Amino acid sequence: MSEEFDFGHGPVQAHRHPYGGGWVANTATVDLSAYVGANARVYDNAHVYDSARVYGNARVFGDTHVYDNARVYGNAKVYGNARVYDNARVFGNAQVHGKAQVFGNARVCGNDIWWLSGLEYSVTYTKLDDCLAIGCQRRTVAEWISYLDAPGRNRAPRLEAVLRGVFSDRLCPADVEE
């Protein structure tokens, strides 16, 4: 049975998912085989299917797809055109968005991973191994900082500003522009 529910931008037609009882906007698609817990929300044009589970206070919205055996839980948010699939887990206060993809056995939690939009390439950071992937290149944060500091490098000013802002605690005070 459809009724109105406010996902934060005014009431829209929605219903409680039969498997878990969470709110699902009528514009979203959630398979009967998927689970949406009582406090979880799926809205906009999001898709949750297969054996995927969204629970806790998690939010899945935009044109996102969560599928296979993926889990989104805690206070996590998955939005934009993001994809979470295979056995991936997104939890804690993590946010996965833009065109980010989390798959395989990846675990994204707390603030352990970021997808920085507005750059030429997607940028992801994993706290577990202190690595930063920019486009298809993956290095430790220390290696990226050394790369940026190397003489004669053709620098990408916006990317450098983001890296120096995010990792300012790793740089010597003299290296941080004020």
Protein backbone atom coordinates (compact mmCIF):
# COMPACT_ATOMS: atom_id res chain seq x y z
CA MET A 1 0.00 0.00 0.00
CA SER A 2 1.40 3.37 -1.01
CA GLU A 3 1.37 6.43 1.25
CA GLU A 4 3.38 9.63 1.57
CA PHE A 5 6.77 9.76 3.26
CA ASP A 6 9.25 12.64 3.52
CA PHE A 7 12.82 11.58 2.68
CA GLY A 8 14.02 15.11 3.40
CA HIS A 9 12.81 17.09 0.37
CA GLY A 10 9.06 17.01 0.88
CA PRO A 11 6.63 14.09 0.92
CA VAL A 12 6.59 11.60 -1.94
CA GLN A 13 4.66 8.43 -2.60
CA ALA A 14 6.38 5.54 -0.82
CA HIS A 15 5.77 2.21 0.83
CA ARG A 16 7.27 -0.05 3.47
CA HIS A 17 9.38 -2.83 1.99
CA PRO A 18 7.88 -6.23 2.83
CA TYR A 19 11.29 -7.69 3.74
CA GLY A 20 12.53 -5.51 6.60
CA GLY A 21 9.94 -2.74 6.71
CA GLY A 22 12.13 0.17 5.58
CA TRP A 23 10.74 3.05 3.54
CA VAL A 24 11.11 2.84 -0.24
CA ALA A 25 10.02 5.66 -2.58
CA ASN A 26 7.75 4.50 -5.38
CA THR A 27 10.32 5.90 -7.82
CA ALA A 28 12.99 3.50 -6.47
CA THR A 29 13.24 -0.19 -7.34
CA VAL A 30 13.83 -2.79 -4.62
CA ASP A 31 13.52 -6.52 -5.32
CA LEU A 32 11.49 -8.65 -2.96
CA SER A 33 14.67 -10.70 -2.41
CA ALA A 34 16.53 -7.61 -1.12
CA TYR A 35 16.30 -6.43 2.49
CA VAL A 36 15.55 -2.86 3.64
CA GLY A 37 15.62 -2.58 7.44
CA ALA A 38 13.01 -0.61 9.38
CA ASN A 39 15.13 2.56 9.75
CA ALA A 40 16.80 2.41 6.34
CA ARG A 41 15.64 4.49 3.36
CA VAL A 42 15.81 3.90 -0.40
CA TYR A 43 14.60 6.72 -2.63
CA ASP A 44 14.93 8.77 -5.81
CA ASN A 45 15.75 6.32 -8.64
CA ALA A 46 17.91 3.98 -6.57
CA HIS A 47 17.95 0.23 -7.25
CA VAL A 48 18.50 -2.47 -4.63
CA TYR A 49 18.29 -6.03 -5.87
CA ASP A 50 19.46 -9.63 -5.62
CA SER A 51 20.39 -10.45 -2.00
CA ALA A 52 21.58 -6.93 -1.16
CA ARG A 53 20.78 -5.53 2.28
CA VAL A 54 20.29 -1.91 3.41
CA TYR A 55 19.77 -1.51 7.15
CA GLY A 56 20.49 0.50 10.26
CA ASN A 57 20.08 4.19 9.40
CA ALA A 58 21.58 3.75 5.92
CA ARG A 59 20.40 5.85 2.97
CA VAL A 60 20.56 4.78 -0.67
CA PHE A 61 19.41 7.37 -3.19
CA GLY A 62 20.04 9.07 -6.52
CA ASP A 63 20.65 6.67 -9.42
CA THR A 64 22.58 4.25 -7.24
CA HIS A 65 22.64 0.47 -7.66
CA VAL A 66 23.25 -1.88 -4.71
CA TYR A 67 23.15 -5.53 -5.66
CA ASP A 68 24.53 -9.06 -5.44
CA ASN A 69 25.37 -9.76 -1.79
CA ALA A 70 26.35 -6.15 -0.96
CA ARG A 71 25.53 -4.52 2.39
CA VAL A 72 24.99 -0.85 3.25
CA TYR A 73 24.39 -0.21 6.94
CA GLY A 74 25.01 1.93 9.99
CA ASN A 75 24.75 5.60 9.01
CA ALA A 76 26.24 5.04 5.56
CA LYS A 77 25.04 6.90 2.48
CA VAL A 78 25.34 5.69 -1.10
CA TYR A 79 24.19 8.17 -3.72
CA GLY A 80 24.75 9.78 -7.10
CA ASN A 81 25.56 7.13 -9.70
CA ALA A 82 27.51 4.92 -7.30
CA ARG A 83 27.53 1.12 -7.52
CA VAL A 84 28.00 -1.26 -4.58
CA TYR A 85 28.05 -4.93 -5.49
CA ASP A 86 29.57 -8.39 -5.08
CA ASN A 87 30.27 -8.89 -1.33
CA ALA A 88 31.17 -5.24 -0.68
CA ARG A 89 30.26 -3.56 2.62
CA VAL A 90 29.66 0.17 3.18
CA PHE A 91 29.04 1.04 6.83
CA GLY A 92 29.64 3.39 9.72
CA ASN A 93 29.47 6.99 8.52
CA ALA A 94 30.91 6.22 5.10
CA GLN A 95 29.67 8.03 2.02
CA VAL A 96 30.08 6.55 -1.44
CA HIS A 97 28.93 8.81 -4.26
CA GLY A 98 29.49 10.20 -7.71
CA LYS A 99 30.49 7.41 -10.08
CA ALA A 100 32.31 5.45 -7.39
CA GLN A 101 32.18 1.65 -7.45
CA VAL A 102 32.72 -0.54 -4.40
CA PHE A 103 32.92 -4.23 -5.22
CA GLY A 104 34.60 -7.55 -4.55
CA ASN A 105 35.21 -7.94 -0.82
CA ALA A 106 35.87 -4.22 -0.26
CA ARG A 107 34.99 -2.71 3.11
CA VAL A 108 34.28 1.03 3.35
CA CYS A 109 33.64 2.33 6.84
CA GLY A 110 33.68 5.46 8.93
CA ASN A 111 35.54 8.14 7.01
CA ASP A 112 37.97 5.59 5.60
CA ILE A 113 37.26 6.29 1.98
CA TRP A 114 36.42 9.39 0.03
CA TRP A 115 35.44 9.99 -3.53
CA LEU A 116 36.39 13.54 -4.37
CA SER A 117 34.32 15.02 -7.12
CA GLY A 118 35.20 17.99 -9.27
CA LEU A 119 38.55 16.58 -10.37
CA GLU A 120 39.53 15.04 -13.69
CA TYR A 121 39.81 11.61 -12.05
CA SER A 122 38.08 9.85 -9.22
CA VAL A 123 40.08 9.79 -6.01
CA THR A 124 39.68 7.16 -3.31
CA TYR A 125 41.50 6.78 -0.03
CA THR A 126 41.65 3.59 2.03
CA LYS A 127 42.76 4.02 5.63
CA LEU A 128 43.57 0.34 6.10
CA ASP A 129 46.69 0.54 3.91
CA ASP A 130 46.98 4.35 3.79
CA CYS A 131 46.73 4.30 0.00
CA LEU A 132 45.28 6.81 -2.37
CA ALA A 133 44.07 5.86 -5.83
CA ILE A 134 43.83 8.65 -8.37
CA GLY A 135 42.39 7.42 -11.63
CA CYS A 136 44.26 4.18 -12.26
CA GLN A 137 47.35 5.06 -10.18
CA ARG A 138 47.56 3.82 -6.60
CA ARG A 139 50.23 4.91 -4.12
CA THR A 140 50.62 5.43 -0.40
CA VAL A 141 49.93 8.95 0.83
CA ALA A 142 53.65 9.43 1.53
CA GLU A 143 54.47 8.46 -2.08
CA TRP A 144 51.90 10.94 -3.42
CA ILE A 145 53.30 13.72 -1.26
CA SER A 146 56.84 12.92 -2.46
CA TYR A 147 55.55 12.91 -6.03
CA LEU A 148 53.98 16.34 -5.58
CA ASP A 149 57.16 17.69 -3.99
CA ALA A 150 59.50 16.33 -6.68
CA PRO A 151 61.30 19.07 -8.63
CA GLY A 152 60.19 19.64 -12.20
CA ARG A 153 56.79 17.97 -11.83
CA ASN A 154 53.97 19.35 -13.94
CA ARG A 155 51.57 19.86 -11.07
CA ALA A 156 47.80 19.66 -11.11
CA PRO A 157 46.98 22.66 -8.87
CA ARG A 158 43.42 21.61 -7.90
CA LEU A 159 44.49 18.08 -7.05
CA GLU A 160 47.51 19.33 -5.14
CA ALA A 161 45.31 21.70 -3.12
CA VAL A 162 42.93 18.84 -2.23
CA LEU A 163 45.76 16.51 -1.23
CA ARG A 164 47.48 19.16 0.84
CA GLY A 165 44.17 20.07 2.51
CA VAL A 166 43.16 16.49 3.30
CA PHE A 167 46.62 15.35 4.40
CA SER A 168 47.96 18.57 5.90
CA ASP A 169 48.73 16.71 9.14
CA ARG A 170 51.30 14.62 7.21
CA LEU A 171 53.20 17.58 5.80
CA CYS A 172 55.84 19.67 7.51
CA PRO A 173 54.38 23.04 8.53
CA ALA A 174 56.61 24.78 5.99
CA ASP A 175 55.01 22.76 3.19
CA VAL A 176 51.47 23.90 3.95
CA GLU A 177 50.47 27.13 2.30
CA GLU A 178 48.60 29.53 4.53
